[in-house]
N, C-alpha and C. Protein backbone atom coordinates (compact mmCIF):
# COMPACT_ATOMS: atom_id res chain seq x y z
N MET A 1 -7.83 -3.83 -7.90
CA MET A 1 -7.32 -4.82 -7.09
C MET A 1 -5.83 -4.40 -6.70
N TYR A 2 -5.45 -4.73 -5.16
CA TYR A 2 -3.89 -4.22 -4.76
C TYR A 2 -2.93 -5.57 -4.73
N GLU A 3 -1.87 -5.24 -4.59
CA GLU A 3 -1.07 -6.35 -4.14
C GLU A 3 -0.04 -5.36 -3.18
N MET A 4 0.78 -6.39 -2.61
CA MET A 4 1.85 -6.44 -1.40
C MET A 4 3.66 -6.36 -2.47
N GLN A 5 3.74 -4.91 -2.14
CA GLN A 5 5.48 -4.87 -3.00
C GLN A 5 6.90 -4.66 -1.76
N VAL A 6 7.66 -5.17 -1.32
CA VAL A 6 8.66 -4.19 -0.74
C VAL A 6 9.29 -3.12 -1.27
N GLY A 7 9.51 -2.10 -0.49
CA GLY A 7 10.25 -1.26 -0.91
C GLY A 7 10.57 -0.60 0.50
N GLU A 8 11.46 0.50 0.29
CA GLU A 8 12.21 1.66 1.05
C GLU A 8 10.73 1.84 2.03
N ALA A 9 11.27 1.70 3.26
CA ALA A 9 10.80 2.65 4.30
C ALA A 9 10.27 4.45 4.07
N VAL A 10 8.59 4.96 4.33
CA VAL A 10 8.85 6.26 4.24
C VAL A 10 10.14 6.92 4.87
N THR A 11 10.45 6.41 6.17
CA THR A 11 11.65 6.80 6.89
C THR A 11 13.05 6.89 6.73
N GLY A 12 12.88 5.84 5.20
CA GLY A 12 14.51 6.00 4.87
C GLY A 12 14.98 4.61 5.72
N THR A 13 14.85 4.06 6.77
CA THR A 13 15.58 2.99 6.82
C THR A 13 15.03 1.57 7.26
N GLY A 14 15.28 0.43 6.33
CA GLY A 14 14.88 -0.55 6.30
C GLY A 14 13.91 -0.87 4.90
N LEU A 15 13.51 -2.23 4.89
CA LEU A 15 12.34 -2.20 3.49
C LEU A 15 11.29 -2.47 4.77
N VAL A 16 10.10 -2.41 4.16
CA VAL A 16 8.70 -2.60 4.51
C VAL A 16 7.87 -3.14 3.51
N TRP A 17 6.67 -3.63 3.67
CA TRP A 17 5.49 -3.80 2.82
C TRP A 17 5.10 -2.75 2.26
N HIS A 18 4.33 -2.30 1.46
CA HIS A 18 3.61 -1.52 0.81
C HIS A 18 2.68 -1.81 0.09
N VAL A 19 1.37 -1.00 -0.19
CA VAL A 19 -0.05 -1.61 -0.51
C VAL A 19 0.57 -0.80 -1.95
N VAL A 20 0.37 -1.73 -3.00
CA VAL A 20 -0.13 -1.16 -4.52
C VAL A 20 -1.10 -1.19 -5.33
N ALA A 21 -1.69 -0.19 -6.18
CA ALA A 21 -2.79 -0.63 -6.78
C ALA A 21 -2.36 -1.01 -8.22
N HIS A 22 -3.14 -2.42 -8.58
CA HIS A 22 -2.18 -2.29 -9.92
C HIS A 22 -2.47 -1.96 -10.85
N ASP A 23 -2.75 -0.60 -11.30
CA ASP A 23 -2.51 0.04 -12.11
C ASP A 23 -1.84 1.65 -11.87
N ARG A 24 -0.93 1.31 -10.66
CA ARG A 24 -0.52 2.76 -10.20
C ARG A 24 1.96 2.44 -10.42
N LEU A 25 1.64 3.91 -10.82
CA LEU A 25 3.33 3.60 -10.28
C LEU A 25 3.86 3.92 -8.94
N ALA A 26 2.95 4.33 -7.90
CA ALA A 26 3.66 4.10 -6.60
C ALA A 26 3.03 3.80 -5.55
N THR A 27 2.87 3.57 -4.58
CA THR A 27 2.60 2.95 -2.98
C THR A 27 1.48 3.87 -2.95
N LEU A 28 0.71 3.10 -2.31
CA LEU A 28 -0.18 4.46 -1.58
C LEU A 28 0.22 5.38 -0.76
N CYS A 29 1.19 4.95 0.20
CA CYS A 29 2.14 5.90 0.82
C CYS A 29 2.24 7.22 -0.17
N GLY A 30 2.51 6.92 -1.31
CA GLY A 30 3.23 8.08 -2.60
C GLY A 30 4.80 7.68 -2.63
N ARG A 31 5.16 6.33 -2.66
CA ARG A 31 6.64 6.18 -2.60
C ARG A 31 6.61 5.44 -3.80
N PRO A 32 7.59 6.15 -4.84
CA PRO A 32 7.93 5.09 -5.98
C PRO A 32 8.14 3.87 -6.26
N LEU A 33 7.95 3.19 -6.89
CA LEU A 33 8.25 1.48 -7.20
C LEU A 33 9.42 1.61 -7.62
N GLN A 34 10.10 0.93 -6.63
CA GLN A 34 11.50 0.02 -6.86
C GLN A 34 11.58 -0.99 -7.86
N PRO A 35 12.90 -1.04 -8.64
CA PRO A 35 13.09 -2.60 -9.07
C PRO A 35 12.94 -3.56 -7.69
N ALA A 36 12.52 -4.90 -8.25
CA ALA A 36 12.34 -5.79 -7.18
C ALA A 36 13.55 -5.89 -6.26
N ARG A 37 13.27 -6.54 -5.14
CA ARG A 37 14.23 -6.37 -4.46
C ARG A 37 13.82 -8.02 -3.30
N SER A 38 14.95 -8.46 -2.59
CA SER A 38 14.18 -9.50 -1.39
C SER A 38 13.24 -9.18 -0.66
N PRO A 39 12.29 -10.07 -0.53
CA PRO A 39 11.19 -9.69 0.06
C PRO A 39 11.69 -10.06 1.98
N VAL A 40 12.67 -9.39 2.19
CA VAL A 40 13.07 -10.40 3.37
C VAL A 40 12.89 -9.52 4.65
N THR A 41 11.62 -8.91 4.97
CA THR A 41 10.58 -8.49 6.38
C THR A 41 9.52 -8.23 6.57
N ASP A 42 9.38 -8.53 7.74
CA ASP A 42 8.25 -8.39 9.04
C ASP A 42 6.97 -7.48 8.85
N HIS A 43 7.89 -6.02 8.31
CA HIS A 43 7.23 -4.98 8.61
C HIS A 43 6.18 -4.31 7.57
N HIS A 44 5.57 -3.26 7.84
CA HIS A 44 4.72 -3.02 6.70
C HIS A 44 4.51 -1.58 7.16
N CYS A 45 4.80 -0.78 6.04
CA CYS A 45 4.44 0.49 5.64
C CYS A 45 2.80 0.95 6.55
N LEU A 46 3.23 1.64 7.79
CA LEU A 46 1.81 2.32 8.40
C LEU A 46 1.04 3.35 7.55
N PRO A 47 1.46 4.14 6.69
CA PRO A 47 0.64 4.97 6.00
C PRO A 47 -0.32 4.16 4.46
N CYS A 48 0.60 3.42 4.08
CA CYS A 48 0.05 2.37 2.96
C CYS A 48 -1.42 1.79 3.70
N MET A 49 -0.83 0.96 4.81
CA MET A 49 -1.97 -0.08 5.51
C MET A 49 -3.36 1.01 5.90
N ALA A 50 -2.98 2.55 6.66
CA ALA A 50 -3.90 3.10 6.69
C ALA A 50 -4.96 3.54 5.61
N SER A 51 -4.08 3.65 4.31
CA SER A 51 -4.74 4.08 3.05
C SER A 51 -5.81 3.33 2.59
N PHE A 52 -5.18 1.65 2.45
CA PHE A 52 -6.03 0.73 2.13
C PHE A 52 -6.88 0.28 2.97
N GLN A 53 -7.37 0.58 4.04
CA GLN A 53 -7.99 0.49 4.89
C GLN A 53 -9.30 1.24 5.15
N GLU A 54 -8.60 2.72 4.41
CA GLU A 54 -9.73 3.67 4.13
C GLU A 54 -10.53 3.43 3.33
N LEU A 55 -9.23 2.83 1.86
CA LEU A 55 -10.55 2.41 0.77
C LEU A 55 -11.08 0.92 0.61
N MET A 56 -11.31 0.16 1.83
CA MET A 56 -11.78 -0.73 1.59
C MET A 56 -13.34 -0.24 2.51
N ARG A 57 -13.21 0.47 3.66
CA ARG A 57 -14.22 0.49 4.27
C ARG A 57 -15.36 1.55 3.19
N GLY A 58 -14.95 2.27 1.81
CA GLY A 58 -15.44 2.65 0.89
C GLY A 58 -15.71 4.59 1.86
N PRO A 59 -16.92 4.52 0.87
CA PRO A 59 -17.53 6.31 1.40
C PRO A 59 -18.51 5.84 2.16
N ALA A 60 -18.69 6.54 3.32
CA ALA A 60 -19.76 6.75 4.24
C ALA A 60 -21.19 6.34 4.20
N GLY A 61 -21.54 5.56 4.65
CA GLY A 61 -23.59 5.19 4.43
C GLY A 61 -23.21 4.76 3.25
N SER A 62 -21.97 4.32 2.38
CA SER A 62 -22.49 3.32 0.54
C SER A 62 -22.23 1.64 1.14
N THR A 63 -23.11 1.37 0.21
CA THR A 63 -22.95 -0.60 0.17
C THR A 63 -22.42 -0.99 -1.04
N GLU A 64 -22.58 -2.39 -1.34
CA GLU A 64 -21.63 -2.91 -1.71
C GLU A 64 -22.28 -2.52 -3.65
N ALA A 65 -23.72 -2.72 -3.28
CA ALA A 65 -24.44 -2.54 -4.27
C ALA A 65 -24.16 -1.14 -4.95
N GLY A 66 -23.90 -0.04 -4.31
CA GLY A 66 -23.33 1.69 -4.91
C GLY A 66 -24.63 2.21 -3.91
N THR A 67 -25.83 1.51 -3.42
CA THR A 67 -27.24 2.58 -3.00
C THR A 67 -26.93 3.51 -1.60
């Protein structure tokens, strides 16, 4: 399961939404989780979103049943 959390952008300029796996202490782009902040942003972390997209695609040629 994945969730979205607001954190500092990879560039260090402003806040963005990051993707975080529920069992991890860092975002998919490798940023450490920070204490909760006010989630006032429309921006998303592009490295996190690209990683999440690849995770949702799964391995090439596989199916949901794992065959």
